[in-house]
Amino acid sequence: MKRLIFVLYLCSIALTVNIGIDDVTDRVADVLSISKTDVQICFNKTNVNVDLVMMDQLINDDVETPDINHSALKVGCLFACLLQKKELMVGTYIDIEKVKKELDKKVRNDDNISIRNRILDNCIEQVKNTTDECKVILRFSLCVAEESRRYVKS
């Protein structure tokens, strides 16, 4: 699960440490095991630059309101594009079983798998009726981050 959260936070880290879009592209491509070209296509398609990515701020804001910030929505579109390139998402449908398998390949910690799966299942349930792919992945990502943070605190 840390791998998924890492991907979602990678761009916000780029903003804080002032690394360029090429570095972000390289890191995202490496983490997701997709081509740099695919990552760049997603950045270009969504017109997202590192200055727009503020996941840490989004987690602290109330994104459950109907009016999701335009910049946040663009970031959601970027994430949707990346997951579609990885074939983990089709339209508004996140293939949660494929996500779990990908996470199992990257991080093997049997102690946390049931907790991770419960968080993923809970968050996928929360977005199942959302009809905009950008909102789906944005809300899903924020849910996973919040639920993970809650678990760590307890």
Protein backbone atom coordinates (compact mmCIF):
# COMPACT_ATOMS: atom_id res chain seq x y z
CA MET A 1 0.00 0.00 0.00
CA LYS A 2 2.92 2.30 0.67
CA ARG A 3 3.86 1.90 -2.99
CA LEU A 4 0.46 3.19 -4.14
CA ILE A 5 0.59 6.10 -1.74
CA PHE A 6 4.17 6.81 -2.84
CA VAL A 7 3.09 7.12 -6.45
CA LEU A 8 0.29 9.46 -5.49
CA TYR A 9 2.57 11.65 -3.42
CA LEU A 10 5.53 11.63 -5.78
CA CYS A 11 4.46 14.72 -7.64
CA SER A 12 3.83 16.68 -4.45
CA ILE A 13 7.32 15.81 -3.28
CA ALA A 14 8.61 17.16 -6.57
CA LEU A 15 7.02 20.47 -5.75
CA THR A 16 8.60 20.71 -2.32
CA VAL A 17 12.12 19.79 -3.36
CA ASN A 18 12.03 21.62 -6.68
CA ILE A 19 12.87 18.69 -8.90
CA GLY A 20 11.94 19.00 -12.53
CA ILE A 21 9.25 17.29 -14.53
CA ASP A 22 11.83 14.97 -16.14
CA ASP A 23 12.86 13.67 -12.72
CA VAL A 24 9.22 13.17 -11.76
CA THR A 25 8.58 11.38 -15.05
CA ASP A 26 11.53 9.06 -14.44
CA ARG A 27 10.47 8.24 -10.88
CA VAL A 28 6.80 7.65 -11.74
CA ALA A 29 7.76 5.45 -14.70
CA ASP A 30 10.09 3.45 -12.47
CA VAL A 31 7.58 3.00 -9.63
CA LEU A 32 4.69 2.05 -11.92
CA SER A 33 6.86 0.02 -14.31
CA ILE A 34 5.52 1.89 -17.33
CA SER A 35 7.39 3.78 -20.02
CA LYS A 36 8.56 7.35 -19.54
CA THR A 37 6.68 8.13 -22.74
CA ASP A 38 3.41 6.95 -21.18
CA VAL A 39 4.04 9.07 -18.09
CA GLN A 40 4.83 12.11 -20.22
CA ILE A 41 1.70 11.49 -22.31
CA CYS A 42 -0.37 11.58 -19.12
CA PHE A 43 1.26 14.81 -17.94
CA ASN A 44 0.67 16.39 -21.34
CA LYS A 45 -2.89 15.03 -21.71
CA THR A 46 -3.95 16.38 -18.33
CA ASN A 47 -1.92 19.58 -18.59
CA VAL A 48 -0.57 18.99 -15.10
CA ASN A 49 2.72 20.43 -14.00
CA VAL A 50 4.52 19.89 -10.72
CA ASP A 51 3.19 23.20 -9.39
CA LEU A 52 -0.40 21.88 -9.47
CA VAL A 53 0.24 18.78 -7.44
CA MET A 54 -0.58 19.40 -3.78
CA MET A 55 -1.68 16.05 -2.36
CA ASP A 56 -0.63 16.96 1.19
CA GLN A 57 -2.94 19.97 1.08
CA LEU A 58 -5.76 17.93 -0.45
CA ILE A 59 -5.63 15.40 2.35
CA ASN A 60 -6.17 18.18 4.86
CA ASP A 61 -8.97 19.80 2.83
CA ASP A 62 -12.53 18.54 2.59
CA VAL A 63 -12.61 16.91 -0.84
CA GLU A 64 -15.98 15.32 -0.24
CA THR A 65 -17.65 18.57 -1.19
CA PRO A 66 -19.33 18.57 -4.61
CA ASP A 67 -17.04 21.36 -5.80
CA ILE A 68 -13.61 19.75 -5.98
CA ASN A 69 -10.90 22.27 -6.70
CA HIS A 70 -10.07 22.42 -10.44
CA SER A 71 -6.35 21.84 -9.84
CA ALA A 72 -7.11 18.83 -7.64
CA LEU A 73 -9.36 17.42 -10.34
CA LYS A 74 -6.57 17.77 -12.90
CA VAL A 75 -4.29 15.81 -10.59
CA GLY A 76 -7.01 13.16 -10.34
CA CYS A 77 -7.08 13.00 -14.14
CA LEU A 78 -3.30 12.52 -14.14
CA PHE A 79 -3.60 9.64 -11.68
CA ALA A 80 -6.44 8.11 -13.72
CA CYS A 81 -4.34 8.28 -16.87
CA LEU A 82 -1.36 6.67 -15.13
CA LEU A 83 -3.46 3.83 -13.72
CA GLN A 84 -5.09 3.31 -17.11
CA LYS A 85 -1.65 3.04 -18.72
CA LYS A 86 -0.79 0.42 -16.08
CA GLU A 87 -4.15 -1.29 -16.85
CA LEU A 88 -5.30 -0.95 -13.24
CA MET A 89 -8.21 1.30 -14.19
CA VAL A 90 -10.68 1.34 -17.09
CA GLY A 91 -12.98 4.34 -17.27
CA THR A 92 -14.29 4.86 -13.74
CA TYR A 93 -13.58 1.27 -12.71
CA ILE A 94 -10.48 0.63 -10.59
CA ASP A 95 -9.63 -3.06 -10.77
CA ILE A 96 -8.92 -3.41 -7.07
CA GLU A 97 -7.85 -7.05 -7.40
CA LYS A 98 -5.18 -6.06 -9.94
CA VAL A 99 -4.10 -3.23 -7.62
CA LYS A 100 -3.71 -5.73 -4.78
CA LYS A 101 -1.68 -8.08 -6.99
CA GLU A 102 0.60 -5.22 -8.04
CA LEU A 103 1.10 -4.22 -4.43
CA ASP A 104 1.83 -7.84 -3.51
CA LYS A 105 4.59 -7.92 -6.13
CA LYS A 106 6.21 -4.74 -4.83
CA VAL A 107 5.81 -5.04 -1.07
CA ARG A 108 5.53 -8.34 0.73
CA ASN A 109 4.54 -7.87 4.36
CA ASP A 110 2.07 -10.57 5.35
CA ASP A 111 1.27 -8.85 8.65
CA ASN A 112 -0.33 -5.87 6.93
CA ILE A 113 -1.99 -7.48 3.90
CA SER A 114 -5.39 -7.96 5.55
CA ILE A 115 -5.38 -4.38 6.85
CA ARG A 116 -4.27 -3.07 3.46
CA ASN A 117 -6.98 -5.04 1.69
CA ARG A 118 -9.63 -3.83 4.13
CA ILE A 119 -8.57 -0.21 3.50
CA LEU A 120 -8.57 -0.71 -0.28
CA ASP A 121 -11.95 -2.45 -0.23
CA ASN A 122 -13.47 0.24 1.98
CA CYS A 123 -12.17 3.03 -0.24
CA ILE A 124 -13.24 1.36 -3.49
CA GLU A 125 -16.72 0.96 -2.00
CA GLN A 126 -16.83 4.70 -1.24
CA VAL A 127 -16.20 5.66 -4.88
CA LYS A 128 -18.20 2.97 -6.69
CA ASN A 129 -21.05 5.32 -7.65
CA THR A 130 -18.82 8.19 -8.78
CA THR A 131 -19.18 8.74 -12.53
CA ASP A 132 -16.11 10.91 -13.25
CA GLU A 133 -12.83 8.98 -13.56
CA CYS A 134 -10.80 11.92 -12.28
CA LYS A 135 -12.95 12.20 -9.15
CA VAL A 136 -12.92 8.42 -8.67
CA ILE A 137 -9.16 8.11 -8.41
CA LEU A 138 -8.74 11.37 -6.52
CA ARG A 139 -11.28 10.40 -3.87
CA PHE A 140 -9.97 6.83 -3.78
CA SER A 141 -6.37 8.03 -3.30
CA LEU A 142 -7.33 10.47 -0.58
CA CYS A 143 -9.41 7.80 1.15
CA VAL A 144 -6.48 5.37 1.12
CA ALA A 145 -4.16 8.05 2.49
CA GLU A 146 -6.59 9.03 5.24
CA GLU A 147 -7.43 5.44 6.22
CA SER A 148 -3.73 4.55 6.27
CA ARG A 149 -2.98 7.54 8.45
CA ARG A 150 -5.77 6.50 10.83
CA TYR A 151 -4.38 2.99 11.03
CA VAL A 152 -0.85 4.24 11.76
CA LYS A 153 -2.16 6.45 14.58
CA SER A 154 -4.05 3.61 16.26
